Amino acid sequence: MYKGLAAPLLASVVNGTAVPIVWVIGIILIVAGVVGLFRGSLLMGIVLIVIGIFLGGLNIL
């Protein structure tokens, strides 16, 4: 791991800001899954939505 990135990454996990970052990633995956469903990629859309839900993308609601 790049040494300049390790300290801020560790600080974000310890201070609790890593959880909102994971939520944002989950929301992005859910949106990408819905877009994938509309574009005809059924399997990839479902997989992205499920992964987004597991990451906590629906906890924002």
N, C-alpha and C. Protein backbone atom coordinates (compact mmCIF):
# COMPACT_ATOMS: atom_id res chain seq x y z
N MET A 1 0.85 -1.18 0.00
CA MET A 1 0.00 0.00 0.00
C MET A 1 0.88 1.23 0.00
N TYR A 2 0.46 2.24 -0.71
CA TYR A 2 1.20 3.50 -0.77
C TYR A 2 1.24 4.13 0.61
N LYS A 3 2.42 4.48 1.09
CA LYS A 3 2.59 4.96 2.46
C LYS A 3 1.86 6.27 2.72
N GLY A 4 1.74 7.12 1.72
CA GLY A 4 1.06 8.39 1.91
C GLY A 4 -0.45 8.24 2.04
N LEU A 5 -0.98 7.10 1.62
CA LEU A 5 -2.42 6.86 1.67
C LEU A 5 -2.83 6.10 2.93
N ALA A 6 -1.92 5.39 3.54
CA ALA A 6 -2.26 4.53 4.67
C ALA A 6 -2.77 5.30 5.88
N ALA A 7 -2.11 6.40 6.23
CA ALA A 7 -2.51 7.15 7.42
C ALA A 7 -3.89 7.77 7.28
N PRO A 8 -4.21 8.47 6.17
CA PRO A 8 -5.57 9.01 6.06
C PRO A 8 -6.65 7.93 5.98
N LEU A 9 -6.32 6.81 5.33
CA LEU A 9 -7.28 5.72 5.25
C LEU A 9 -7.56 5.13 6.62
N LEU A 10 -6.52 4.91 7.39
CA LEU A 10 -6.68 4.39 8.75
C LEU A 10 -7.42 5.38 9.62
N ALA A 11 -7.13 6.66 9.49
CA ALA A 11 -7.82 7.69 10.27
C ALA A 11 -9.30 7.74 9.92
N SER A 12 -9.65 7.56 8.64
CA SER A 12 -11.06 7.60 8.27
C SER A 12 -11.81 6.40 8.82
N VAL A 13 -11.16 5.26 8.88
CA VAL A 13 -11.81 4.07 9.46
C VAL A 13 -12.00 4.25 10.95
N VAL A 14 -10.99 4.77 11.63
CA VAL A 14 -11.06 4.95 13.08
C VAL A 14 -12.08 6.03 13.45
N ASN A 15 -12.15 7.10 12.70
CA ASN A 15 -13.06 8.19 13.02
C ASN A 15 -14.50 7.94 12.58
N GLY A 16 -14.74 6.88 11.86
CA GLY A 16 -16.10 6.55 11.48
C GLY A 16 -16.56 7.13 10.16
N THR A 17 -15.68 7.73 9.39
CA THR A 17 -16.11 8.27 8.11
C THR A 17 -16.07 7.23 7.01
N ALA A 18 -15.55 6.05 7.31
CA ALA A 18 -15.51 5.00 6.30
C ALA A 18 -16.90 4.45 6.03
N VAL A 19 -17.77 4.49 7.02
CA VAL A 19 -19.13 3.97 6.84
C VAL A 19 -19.91 4.78 5.82
N PRO A 20 -19.92 6.11 5.89
CA PRO A 20 -20.62 6.86 4.83
C PRO A 20 -20.01 6.65 3.45
N ILE A 21 -18.71 6.44 3.37
CA ILE A 21 -18.08 6.17 2.08
C ILE A 21 -18.61 4.85 1.51
N VAL A 22 -18.75 3.85 2.35
CA VAL A 22 -19.29 2.56 1.91
C VAL A 22 -20.74 2.72 1.49
N TRP A 23 -21.50 3.55 2.21
CA TRP A 23 -22.89 3.80 1.82
C TRP A 23 -22.97 4.44 0.45
N VAL A 24 -22.09 5.40 0.19
CA VAL A 24 -22.09 6.07 -1.11
C VAL A 24 -21.75 5.07 -2.22
N ILE A 25 -20.78 4.21 -1.96
CA ILE A 25 -20.44 3.18 -2.94
C ILE A 25 -21.63 2.25 -3.17
N GLY A 26 -22.34 1.90 -2.10
CA GLY A 26 -23.53 1.06 -2.23
C GLY A 26 -24.61 1.73 -3.06
N ILE A 27 -24.82 3.02 -2.85
CA ILE A 27 -25.83 3.76 -3.63
C ILE A 27 -25.43 3.80 -5.10
N ILE A 28 -24.16 4.04 -5.37
CA ILE A 28 -23.68 4.08 -6.76
C ILE A 28 -23.90 2.72 -7.43
N LEU A 29 -23.63 1.63 -6.70
CA LEU A 29 -23.83 0.30 -7.27
C LEU A 29 -25.31 0.02 -7.54
N ILE A 30 -26.18 0.48 -6.65
CA ILE A 30 -27.61 0.28 -6.87
C ILE A 30 -28.08 1.05 -8.10
N VAL A 31 -27.64 2.29 -8.23
CA VAL A 31 -28.02 3.08 -9.41
C VAL A 31 -27.47 2.43 -10.68
N ALA A 32 -26.23 1.97 -10.63
CA ALA A 32 -25.65 1.30 -11.80
C ALA A 32 -26.40 0.02 -12.13
N GLY A 33 -26.88 -0.68 -11.11
CA GLY A 33 -27.67 -1.89 -11.34
C GLY A 33 -29.00 -1.58 -12.00
N VAL A 34 -29.65 -0.52 -11.56
CA VAL A 34 -30.93 -0.14 -12.17
C VAL A 34 -30.71 0.28 -13.63
N VAL A 35 -29.65 1.04 -13.87
CA VAL A 35 -29.34 1.43 -15.25
C VAL A 35 -29.04 0.19 -16.09
N GLY A 36 -28.32 -0.76 -15.51
CA GLY A 36 -28.04 -2.01 -16.22
C GLY A 36 -29.30 -2.78 -16.55
N LEU A 37 -30.27 -2.76 -15.65
CA LEU A 37 -31.54 -3.44 -15.92
C LEU A 37 -32.26 -2.79 -17.09
N PHE A 38 -32.25 -1.46 -17.14
CA PHE A 38 -32.93 -0.77 -18.23
C PHE A 38 -32.21 -0.95 -19.56
N ARG A 39 -30.90 -1.18 -19.52
CA ARG A 39 -30.15 -1.35 -20.76
C ARG A 39 -30.19 -2.79 -21.25
N GLY A 40 -30.81 -3.68 -20.49
CA GLY A 40 -30.98 -5.06 -20.94
C GLY A 40 -30.04 -6.07 -20.32
N SER A 41 -29.17 -5.65 -19.44
CA SER A 41 -28.24 -6.58 -18.79
C SER A 41 -28.85 -7.03 -17.46
N LEU A 42 -29.72 -8.01 -17.54
CA LEU A 42 -30.50 -8.44 -16.39
C LEU A 42 -29.62 -9.00 -15.27
N LEU A 43 -28.75 -9.92 -15.59
CA LEU A 43 -27.93 -10.57 -14.57
C LEU A 43 -26.98 -9.57 -13.89
N MET A 44 -26.30 -8.76 -14.70
CA MET A 44 -25.37 -7.79 -14.12
C MET A 44 -26.11 -6.75 -13.28
N GLY A 45 -27.29 -6.33 -13.72
CA GLY A 45 -28.08 -5.37 -12.96
C GLY A 45 -28.47 -5.91 -11.60
N ILE A 46 -28.92 -7.16 -11.58
CA ILE A 46 -29.33 -7.78 -10.31
C ILE A 46 -28.14 -7.94 -9.38
N VAL A 47 -27.01 -8.37 -9.94
CA VAL A 47 -25.80 -8.55 -9.12
C VAL A 47 -25.36 -7.22 -8.50
N LEU A 48 -25.36 -6.16 -9.29
CA LEU A 48 -24.95 -4.86 -8.77
C LEU A 48 -25.91 -4.35 -7.69
N ILE A 49 -27.20 -4.56 -7.89
CA ILE A 49 -28.18 -4.13 -6.89
C ILE A 49 -27.99 -4.90 -5.58
N VAL A 50 -27.78 -6.19 -5.68
CA VAL A 50 -27.60 -7.01 -4.47
C VAL A 50 -26.33 -6.60 -3.73
N ILE A 51 -25.24 -6.39 -4.45
CA ILE A 51 -23.99 -5.96 -3.80
C ILE A 51 -24.17 -4.59 -3.16
N GLY A 52 -24.88 -3.69 -3.85
CA GLY A 52 -25.14 -2.37 -3.29
C GLY A 52 -25.96 -2.43 -2.01
N ILE A 53 -26.93 -3.33 -1.99
CA ILE A 53 -27.75 -3.50 -0.77
C ILE A 53 -26.90 -4.05 0.36
N PHE A 54 -26.03 -5.02 0.06
CA PHE A 54 -25.17 -5.57 1.10
C PHE A 54 -24.20 -4.53 1.66
N LEU A 55 -23.78 -3.59 0.83
CA LEU A 55 -22.89 -2.53 1.30
C LEU A 55 -23.64 -1.46 2.10
N GLY A 56 -24.93 -1.54 2.15
CA GLY A 56 -25.69 -0.60 2.96
C GLY A 56 -26.22 0.56 2.20
N GLY A 57 -26.38 0.42 0.91
CA GLY A 57 -26.87 1.53 0.11
C GLY A 57 -28.29 1.94 0.43
N LEU A 58 -29.08 1.05 1.00
CA LEU A 58 -30.44 1.37 1.35
C LEU A 58 -30.58 1.92 2.77
N ASN A 59 -29.50 1.98 3.52
CA ASN A 59 -29.56 2.53 4.88
C ASN A 59 -29.75 4.04 4.88
N ILE A 60 -29.50 4.68 3.77
CA ILE A 60 -29.68 6.12 3.68
C ILE A 60 -31.16 6.47 3.76
N LEU A 61 -31.98 5.61 3.19
CA LEU A 61 -33.42 5.87 3.16
C LEU A 61 -33.96 5.73 4.52
